[in-house]
N, C-alpha and C. Protein backbone atom coordinates (compact mmCIF):
# COMPACT_ATOMS: atom_id res chain seq x y z
N MET A 1 0.83 -1.19 0.00
CA MET A 1 0.00 0.00 0.00
C MET A 1 0.87 1.25 0.00
N TYR A 2 1.94 1.26 0.86
CA TYR A 2 2.84 2.40 0.95
C TYR A 2 3.53 2.62 -0.40
N HIS A 3 3.93 1.55 -1.05
CA HIS A 3 4.60 1.62 -2.33
C HIS A 3 3.69 2.27 -3.37
N ARG A 4 2.43 1.89 -3.40
CA ARG A 4 1.46 2.44 -4.35
C ARG A 4 1.26 3.94 -4.11
N ALA A 5 1.17 4.34 -2.84
CA ALA A 5 0.99 5.76 -2.51
C ALA A 5 2.20 6.57 -2.97
N CYS A 6 3.40 6.03 -2.80
CA CYS A 6 4.61 6.73 -3.24
C CYS A 6 4.62 6.91 -4.75
N ILE A 7 4.28 5.85 -5.46
CA ILE A 7 4.26 5.93 -6.93
C ILE A 7 3.24 6.97 -7.39
N LEU A 8 2.05 6.97 -6.80
CA LEU A 8 1.03 7.95 -7.18
C LEU A 8 1.48 9.37 -6.87
N THR A 9 2.10 9.56 -5.73
CA THR A 9 2.59 10.89 -5.36
C THR A 9 3.65 11.38 -6.32
N LEU A 10 4.63 10.51 -6.63
CA LEU A 10 5.70 10.90 -7.55
C LEU A 10 5.16 11.15 -8.95
N THR A 11 4.19 10.37 -9.38
CA THR A 11 3.57 10.58 -10.68
C THR A 11 2.87 11.93 -10.72
N GLY A 12 2.15 12.26 -9.66
CA GLY A 12 1.47 13.55 -9.59
C GLY A 12 2.44 14.71 -9.62
N ILE A 13 3.53 14.60 -8.86
CA ILE A 13 4.54 15.66 -8.86
C ILE A 13 5.15 15.80 -10.25
N GLY A 14 5.48 14.69 -10.88
CA GLY A 14 6.04 14.73 -12.23
C GLY A 14 5.09 15.37 -13.22
N PHE A 15 3.80 15.07 -13.10
CA PHE A 15 2.80 15.66 -13.98
C PHE A 15 2.76 17.17 -13.80
N CYS A 16 2.75 17.62 -12.55
CA CYS A 16 2.71 19.06 -12.26
C CYS A 16 3.94 19.78 -12.79
N ILE A 17 5.10 19.18 -12.59
CA ILE A 17 6.33 19.80 -13.09
C ILE A 17 6.32 19.84 -14.60
N GLY A 18 5.88 18.78 -15.23
CA GLY A 18 5.84 18.73 -16.69
C GLY A 18 4.88 19.72 -17.29
N CYS A 19 3.78 20.01 -16.62
CA CYS A 19 2.79 20.94 -17.16
C CYS A 19 3.13 22.38 -16.85
N GLY A 20 3.82 22.64 -15.76
CA GLY A 20 4.02 24.01 -15.33
C GLY A 20 5.12 24.76 -16.04
N GLY A 21 6.14 24.07 -16.51
CA GLY A 21 7.28 24.80 -17.01
C GLY A 21 7.44 24.78 -18.51
N GLY A 22 6.48 24.28 -19.25
CA GLY A 22 6.60 24.15 -20.68
C GLY A 22 6.63 25.49 -21.39
N PRO A 23 6.98 25.49 -22.67
CA PRO A 23 7.11 26.72 -23.42
C PRO A 23 5.78 27.39 -23.76
N GLY A 24 4.66 26.71 -23.63
CA GLY A 24 3.37 27.30 -23.95
C GLY A 24 3.00 27.10 -25.40
N LEU A 25 2.08 27.90 -25.88
CA LEU A 25 1.62 27.80 -27.27
C LEU A 25 2.55 28.56 -28.20
N LYS A 26 2.72 28.03 -29.38
CA LYS A 26 3.51 28.72 -30.40
C LYS A 26 2.59 29.64 -31.18
N GLY A 27 3.12 30.78 -31.58
CA GLY A 27 2.36 31.71 -32.41
C GLY A 27 1.55 32.74 -31.66
N LEU A 28 1.69 32.81 -30.34
CA LEU A 28 0.95 33.80 -29.58
C LEU A 28 1.49 35.20 -29.82
N ILE A 29 0.59 36.17 -29.83
CA ILE A 29 0.95 37.57 -30.11
C ILE A 29 0.56 38.40 -28.90
N SER A 30 1.43 39.32 -28.52
CA SER A 30 1.11 40.23 -27.43
C SER A 30 -0.06 41.12 -27.85
N ALA A 31 -1.04 41.24 -26.96
CA ALA A 31 -2.20 42.10 -27.23
C ALA A 31 -2.64 42.76 -25.94
N THR A 32 -2.95 44.03 -26.03
CA THR A 32 -3.32 44.82 -24.87
C THR A 32 -4.56 45.65 -25.21
N GLY A 33 -5.02 46.41 -24.22
CA GLY A 33 -6.15 47.28 -24.49
C GLY A 33 -6.55 48.09 -23.29
N THR A 34 -7.61 48.86 -23.49
CA THR A 34 -8.15 49.72 -22.45
C THR A 34 -9.67 49.61 -22.46
N VAL A 35 -10.25 49.58 -21.26
CA VAL A 35 -11.70 49.58 -21.11
C VAL A 35 -12.11 50.83 -20.34
N THR A 36 -13.04 51.58 -20.92
CA THR A 36 -13.63 52.71 -20.20
C THR A 36 -15.15 52.55 -20.22
N TYR A 37 -15.79 53.09 -19.21
CA TYR A 37 -17.25 53.09 -19.14
C TYR A 37 -17.68 54.52 -18.82
N GLN A 38 -18.49 55.06 -19.70
CA GLN A 38 -18.94 56.44 -19.57
C GLN A 38 -17.75 57.39 -19.42
N GLY A 39 -16.69 57.11 -20.20
CA GLY A 39 -15.53 57.97 -20.25
C GLY A 39 -14.50 57.76 -19.15
N LYS A 40 -14.75 56.84 -18.22
CA LYS A 40 -13.82 56.63 -17.11
C LYS A 40 -13.21 55.23 -17.19
N PRO A 41 -11.92 55.09 -16.81
CA PRO A 41 -11.30 53.76 -16.82
C PRO A 41 -12.03 52.81 -15.88
N VAL A 42 -12.12 51.55 -16.29
CA VAL A 42 -12.78 50.53 -15.47
C VAL A 42 -11.71 49.62 -14.88
N GLU A 43 -11.61 49.63 -13.55
CA GLU A 43 -10.67 48.76 -12.86
C GLU A 43 -11.35 47.45 -12.49
N GLY A 44 -10.65 46.33 -12.66
CA GLY A 44 -11.17 45.04 -12.24
C GLY A 44 -12.15 44.39 -13.19
N ALA A 45 -12.20 44.86 -14.43
CA ALA A 45 -13.08 44.24 -15.42
C ALA A 45 -12.39 43.03 -16.04
N GLN A 46 -13.17 42.02 -16.34
CA GLN A 46 -12.66 40.81 -17.00
C GLN A 46 -12.96 40.95 -18.49
N VAL A 47 -11.92 40.88 -19.33
CA VAL A 47 -12.05 40.97 -20.78
C VAL A 47 -11.78 39.57 -21.33
N VAL A 48 -12.74 39.02 -22.07
CA VAL A 48 -12.61 37.66 -22.61
C VAL A 48 -12.79 37.71 -24.12
N LEU A 49 -11.83 37.15 -24.85
CA LEU A 49 -11.92 37.04 -26.29
C LEU A 49 -12.29 35.60 -26.64
N SER A 50 -13.38 35.47 -27.40
CA SER A 50 -13.86 34.16 -27.83
C SER A 50 -13.66 34.05 -29.34
N PRO A 51 -12.91 33.03 -29.81
CA PRO A 51 -12.63 32.93 -31.24
C PRO A 51 -13.89 32.71 -32.05
N GLU A 52 -13.96 33.38 -33.21
CA GLU A 52 -15.11 33.22 -34.09
C GLU A 52 -15.06 31.92 -34.88
N THR A 53 -13.88 31.31 -34.99
CA THR A 53 -13.76 30.06 -35.73
C THR A 53 -13.48 28.91 -34.78
N SER A 54 -13.96 27.73 -35.14
CA SER A 54 -13.70 26.57 -34.30
C SER A 54 -12.22 26.24 -34.37
N GLY A 55 -11.72 25.68 -33.30
CA GLY A 55 -10.31 25.34 -33.24
C GLY A 55 -9.45 26.47 -32.71
N GLY A 56 -10.06 27.65 -32.51
CA GLY A 56 -9.31 28.76 -31.94
C GLY A 56 -9.18 28.61 -30.44
N ARG A 57 -8.46 29.52 -29.82
CA ARG A 57 -8.25 29.47 -28.37
C ARG A 57 -8.67 30.80 -27.78
N ALA A 58 -9.48 30.74 -26.74
CA ALA A 58 -9.91 31.95 -26.05
C ALA A 58 -8.74 32.59 -25.31
N ALA A 59 -8.88 33.86 -25.01
CA ALA A 59 -7.87 34.59 -24.23
C ALA A 59 -8.61 35.53 -23.29
N ALA A 60 -7.94 35.93 -22.22
CA ALA A 60 -8.59 36.80 -21.24
C ALA A 60 -7.56 37.69 -20.57
N GLY A 61 -8.05 38.75 -19.96
CA GLY A 61 -7.22 39.64 -19.19
C GLY A 61 -8.08 40.43 -18.22
N GLN A 62 -7.45 41.02 -17.23
CA GLN A 62 -8.18 41.83 -16.25
C GLN A 62 -7.60 43.23 -16.25
N THR A 63 -8.49 44.22 -16.15
CA THR A 63 -8.05 45.61 -16.20
C THR A 63 -7.46 46.07 -14.88
N ASP A 64 -6.50 47.00 -14.99
CA ASP A 64 -5.89 47.60 -13.81
C ASP A 64 -6.60 48.92 -13.49
N ALA A 65 -6.03 49.72 -12.62
CA ALA A 65 -6.66 50.98 -12.19
C ALA A 65 -6.84 51.97 -13.34
N GLU A 66 -6.02 51.88 -14.38
CA GLU A 66 -6.16 52.76 -15.54
C GLU A 66 -7.04 52.17 -16.63
N GLY A 67 -7.64 51.00 -16.36
CA GLY A 67 -8.48 50.35 -17.35
C GLY A 67 -7.70 49.55 -18.37
N ARG A 68 -6.39 49.39 -18.18
CA ARG A 68 -5.52 48.67 -19.11
C ARG A 68 -5.52 47.17 -18.82
N PHE A 69 -5.41 46.38 -19.87
CA PHE A 69 -5.31 44.92 -19.72
C PHE A 69 -4.31 44.36 -20.71
N ARG A 70 -3.80 43.18 -20.39
CA ARG A 70 -2.91 42.41 -21.27
C ARG A 70 -3.52 41.01 -21.37
N LEU A 71 -3.61 40.48 -22.58
CA LEU A 71 -4.29 39.21 -22.78
C LEU A 71 -3.41 38.00 -22.48
N ASN A 72 -4.05 36.97 -21.95
CA ASN A 72 -3.40 35.71 -21.59
C ASN A 72 -4.17 34.56 -22.24
N SER A 73 -3.43 33.56 -22.71
CA SER A 73 -4.07 32.34 -23.22
C SER A 73 -3.88 31.19 -22.25
N LEU A 74 -2.64 30.90 -21.88
CA LEU A 74 -2.35 29.81 -20.95
C LEU A 74 -1.72 30.29 -19.66
N LYS A 75 -0.87 31.30 -19.76
CA LYS A 75 -0.20 31.80 -18.57
C LYS A 75 -0.09 33.32 -18.65
N GLN A 76 0.28 33.93 -17.54
CA GLN A 76 0.31 35.38 -17.40
C GLN A 76 1.03 36.06 -18.57
N ASN A 77 0.32 36.96 -19.23
CA ASN A 77 0.86 37.82 -20.29
C ASN A 77 1.48 37.07 -21.47
N ASP A 78 0.99 35.86 -21.77
CA ASP A 78 1.59 35.11 -22.88
C ASP A 78 1.02 35.51 -24.24
N GLY A 79 -0.11 36.22 -24.29
CA GLY A 79 -0.65 36.70 -25.55
C GLY A 79 -1.85 35.91 -26.03
N VAL A 80 -2.14 36.07 -27.31
CA VAL A 80 -3.32 35.50 -27.94
C VAL A 80 -2.97 35.05 -29.36
N MET A 81 -3.67 34.06 -29.85
CA MET A 81 -3.46 33.59 -31.22
C MET A 81 -4.03 34.62 -32.20
N PRO A 82 -3.46 34.75 -33.39
CA PRO A 82 -4.03 35.65 -34.39
C PRO A 82 -5.43 35.16 -34.79
N GLY A 83 -6.31 36.10 -35.11
CA GLY A 83 -7.65 35.74 -35.55
C GLY A 83 -8.68 36.78 -35.18
N THR A 84 -9.92 36.47 -35.51
CA THR A 84 -11.05 37.35 -35.21
C THR A 84 -11.75 36.83 -33.97
N TYR A 85 -12.07 37.74 -33.06
CA TYR A 85 -12.65 37.36 -31.77
C TYR A 85 -13.88 38.20 -31.45
N GLN A 86 -14.83 37.57 -30.81
CA GLN A 86 -15.93 38.29 -30.17
C GLN A 86 -15.46 38.60 -28.76
N VAL A 87 -15.83 39.78 -28.26
CA VAL A 87 -15.32 40.24 -26.97
C VAL A 87 -16.44 40.37 -25.96
N MET A 88 -16.18 39.85 -24.77
CA MET A 88 -17.10 40.01 -23.64
C MET A 88 -16.36 40.76 -22.53
N ILE A 89 -17.03 41.71 -21.92
CA ILE A 89 -16.43 42.47 -20.83
C ILE A 89 -17.42 42.56 -19.69
N SER A 90 -16.98 42.20 -18.49
CA SER A 90 -17.85 42.30 -17.32
C SER A 90 -17.03 42.67 -16.10
N LYS A 91 -17.69 43.26 -15.15
CA LYS A 91 -17.07 43.57 -13.87
C LYS A 91 -18.06 43.13 -12.81
N ARG A 92 -17.85 41.95 -12.30
CA ARG A 92 -18.77 41.37 -11.34
C ARG A 92 -18.27 41.58 -9.92
N LYS A 93 -19.21 41.89 -9.04
CA LYS A 93 -18.85 42.04 -7.63
C LYS A 93 -19.98 41.52 -6.77
N VAL A 94 -19.60 41.06 -5.60
CA VAL A 94 -20.58 40.56 -4.63
C VAL A 94 -21.21 41.77 -3.96
N VAL A 95 -22.54 41.76 -3.88
CA VAL A 95 -23.25 42.86 -3.23
C VAL A 95 -24.05 42.32 -2.05
N GLY A 96 -24.07 43.09 -1.00
CA GLY A 96 -24.86 42.71 0.17
C GLY A 96 -24.38 41.42 0.80
N SER A 97 -24.70 41.27 2.04
CA SER A 97 -24.42 40.02 2.73
C SER A 97 -25.22 40.00 4.03
N MET A 98 -25.36 38.83 4.56
CA MET A 98 -26.07 38.67 5.83
C MET A 98 -25.11 38.87 6.99
N THR A 99 -25.62 39.38 8.06
CA THR A 99 -24.83 39.43 9.29
C THR A 99 -24.77 38.01 9.83
N ALA A 100 -23.90 37.79 10.81
CA ALA A 100 -23.79 36.46 11.41
C ALA A 100 -25.12 36.06 12.05
N ASP A 101 -25.80 37.00 12.69
CA ASP A 101 -27.10 36.70 13.31
C ASP A 101 -28.14 36.33 12.26
N GLU A 102 -28.16 37.06 11.14
CA GLU A 102 -29.10 36.76 10.06
C GLU A 102 -28.82 35.38 9.47
N ALA A 103 -27.57 35.04 9.31
CA ALA A 103 -27.20 33.73 8.77
C ALA A 103 -27.63 32.62 9.71
N ARG A 104 -27.42 32.79 11.02
CA ARG A 104 -27.87 31.78 11.99
C ARG A 104 -29.39 31.62 11.95
N GLU A 105 -30.10 32.74 11.86
CA GLU A 105 -31.57 32.69 11.81
C GLU A 105 -32.03 31.97 10.54
N TRP A 106 -31.38 32.27 9.42
CA TRP A 106 -31.70 31.60 8.16
C TRP A 106 -31.50 30.10 8.31
N PHE A 107 -30.37 29.70 8.86
CA PHE A 107 -30.06 28.28 9.04
C PHE A 107 -31.10 27.62 9.94
N ARG A 108 -31.50 28.31 11.03
CA ARG A 108 -32.47 27.76 11.97
C ARG A 108 -33.84 27.58 11.32
N THR A 109 -34.29 28.55 10.56
CA THR A 109 -35.63 28.48 9.99
C THR A 109 -35.70 27.67 8.70
N ASN A 110 -34.58 27.54 7.99
CA ASN A 110 -34.59 26.84 6.70
C ASN A 110 -33.84 25.51 6.71
N ALA A 111 -33.29 25.15 7.86
CA ALA A 111 -32.55 23.89 8.01
C ALA A 111 -31.46 23.72 6.96
N GLY A 112 -30.78 24.80 6.65
CA GLY A 112 -29.69 24.74 5.69
C GLY A 112 -28.96 26.06 5.63
N PRO A 113 -27.84 26.08 4.95
CA PRO A 113 -27.06 27.32 4.87
C PRO A 113 -27.80 28.37 4.05
N PRO A 114 -27.50 29.64 4.29
CA PRO A 114 -28.12 30.71 3.52
C PRO A 114 -27.65 30.67 2.07
N PRO A 115 -28.42 31.27 1.18
CA PRO A 115 -28.01 31.29 -0.24
C PRO A 115 -26.73 32.08 -0.41
N GLY A 116 -26.05 31.85 -1.53
CA GLY A 116 -24.83 32.60 -1.82
C GLY A 116 -25.12 34.08 -1.95
N LYS A 117 -24.08 34.84 -1.80
CA LYS A 117 -24.22 36.29 -1.93
C LYS A 117 -24.54 36.65 -3.37
N PRO A 118 -25.44 37.61 -3.57
CA PRO A 118 -25.76 38.00 -4.96
C PRO A 118 -24.56 38.66 -5.63
N ILE A 119 -24.46 38.41 -6.92
CA ILE A 119 -23.37 38.98 -7.71
C ILE A 119 -23.98 39.93 -8.73
N LYS A 120 -23.38 41.12 -8.84
CA LYS A 120 -23.90 42.15 -9.73
C LYS A 120 -22.81 42.53 -10.72
N ASN A 121 -23.21 42.77 -11.97
CA ASN A 121 -22.29 43.27 -12.98
C ASN A 121 -22.35 44.79 -12.94
N SER A 122 -21.22 45.44 -12.75
CA SER A 122 -21.16 46.89 -12.69
C SER A 122 -21.27 47.54 -14.07
N LEU A 123 -21.15 46.73 -15.12
CA LEU A 123 -21.27 47.22 -16.49
C LEU A 123 -22.59 46.72 -17.08
N PRO A 124 -23.09 47.35 -18.15
CA PRO A 124 -24.31 46.84 -18.77
C PRO A 124 -24.15 45.36 -19.15
N GLU A 125 -25.18 44.58 -18.86
CA GLU A 125 -25.14 43.12 -19.08
C GLU A 125 -24.82 42.73 -20.52
N LYS A 126 -25.22 43.55 -21.49
CA LYS A 126 -25.00 43.17 -22.88
C LYS A 126 -23.53 42.94 -23.20
N TYR A 127 -22.62 43.65 -22.52
CA TYR A 127 -21.19 43.48 -22.80
C TYR A 127 -20.64 42.18 -22.24
N GLY A 128 -21.33 41.58 -21.30
CA GLY A 128 -20.89 40.32 -20.72
C GLY A 128 -21.45 39.10 -21.42
N ASN A 129 -22.17 39.30 -22.52
CA ASN A 129 -22.80 38.22 -23.27
C ASN A 129 -22.27 38.24 -24.69
N VAL A 130 -21.63 37.17 -25.11
CA VAL A 130 -21.00 37.12 -26.43
C VAL A 130 -22.00 37.37 -27.56
N GLU A 131 -23.25 36.98 -27.39
CA GLU A 131 -24.24 37.14 -28.44
C GLU A 131 -24.82 38.55 -28.49
N GLU A 132 -24.60 39.35 -27.45
CA GLU A 132 -25.18 40.69 -27.40
C GLU A 132 -24.14 41.81 -27.42
N SER A 133 -22.89 41.52 -27.11
CA SER A 133 -21.91 42.60 -26.92
C SER A 133 -21.62 43.39 -28.19
N GLU A 134 -21.66 42.75 -29.34
CA GLU A 134 -21.34 43.38 -30.62
C GLU A 134 -19.91 43.92 -30.68
N LEU A 135 -19.07 43.50 -29.73
CA LEU A 135 -17.67 43.91 -29.73
C LEU A 135 -16.84 42.82 -30.40
N THR A 136 -16.01 43.21 -31.36
CA THR A 136 -15.13 42.26 -32.03
C THR A 136 -13.75 42.90 -32.21
N VAL A 137 -12.73 42.06 -32.30
CA VAL A 137 -11.38 42.52 -32.60
C VAL A 137 -10.72 41.55 -33.57
N GLU A 138 -9.76 42.07 -34.29
CA GLU A 138 -8.94 41.26 -35.18
C GLU A 138 -7.50 41.35 -34.68
N VAL A 139 -6.96 40.23 -34.20
CA VAL A 139 -5.58 40.16 -33.75
C VAL A 139 -4.74 39.72 -34.95
N THR A 140 -3.75 40.55 -35.31
CA THR A 140 -2.96 40.26 -36.51
C THR A 140 -1.48 40.18 -36.20
N VAL A 141 -0.79 39.37 -36.97
CA VAL A 141 0.66 39.27 -36.88
C VAL A 141 1.23 40.60 -37.39
N GLY A 142 2.08 41.23 -36.61
CA GLY A 142 2.68 42.48 -37.02
C GLY A 142 1.79 43.70 -36.79
N GLY A 143 0.57 43.49 -36.33
CA GLY A 143 -0.34 44.61 -36.08
C GLY A 143 -0.09 45.23 -34.72
N GLU A 144 -0.73 46.38 -34.47
CA GLU A 144 -0.57 47.06 -33.19
C GLU A 144 -1.19 46.25 -32.06
N ASN A 145 -2.36 45.68 -32.29
CA ASN A 145 -3.05 44.81 -31.33
C ASN A 145 -3.22 45.46 -29.95
N ASP A 146 -3.59 46.73 -29.96
CA ASP A 146 -3.92 47.47 -28.75
C ASP A 146 -5.34 48.00 -28.96
N PHE A 147 -6.29 47.43 -28.22
CA PHE A 147 -7.69 47.68 -28.47
C PHE A 147 -8.30 48.59 -27.40
N THR A 148 -9.20 49.46 -27.84
CA THR A 148 -9.90 50.36 -26.93
C THR A 148 -11.38 50.06 -26.96
N PHE A 149 -11.96 49.85 -25.78
CA PHE A 149 -13.39 49.59 -25.66
C PHE A 149 -14.00 50.70 -24.82
N ASP A 150 -14.72 51.62 -25.49
CA ASP A 150 -15.40 52.70 -24.80
C ASP A 150 -16.86 52.28 -24.63
N LEU A 151 -17.20 51.78 -23.46
CA LEU A 151 -18.55 51.25 -23.21
C LEU A 151 -19.46 52.39 -22.75
N GLU A 152 -20.73 52.26 -23.14
CA GLU A 152 -21.72 53.27 -22.74
C GLU A 152 -22.89 52.62 -22.06
């Protein structure tokens, strides 16, 4: 039994090491951008690029205090594959919460834990839905690949 546990542990460690340090995807291009809402930079927004063609790879990034983002495919700042993408942008945050007393009362009266905290999108919902956002970008080899999204 001990021998089997050692083999499984070493296999797991080897798998993690093999997956973590690889070179990543070939052909990725650096791509950046800015998100503003009503003329102001949006901090903490999630920008997701969804490929328009099958076989593509999605990419994502999160905006900083100036509304700037850098796209990632597999690891931090590794870039995005060239192609046409539909763009989704959302800034979700947890709103409201129960006090400890309210949570205990909920548990007592409902015989279970209280529901999860509600999550609200600080941006219009249409931008967080690939079918409604109407935002697209073309990532090109040799192109500037710095995109600006002025949301209203």
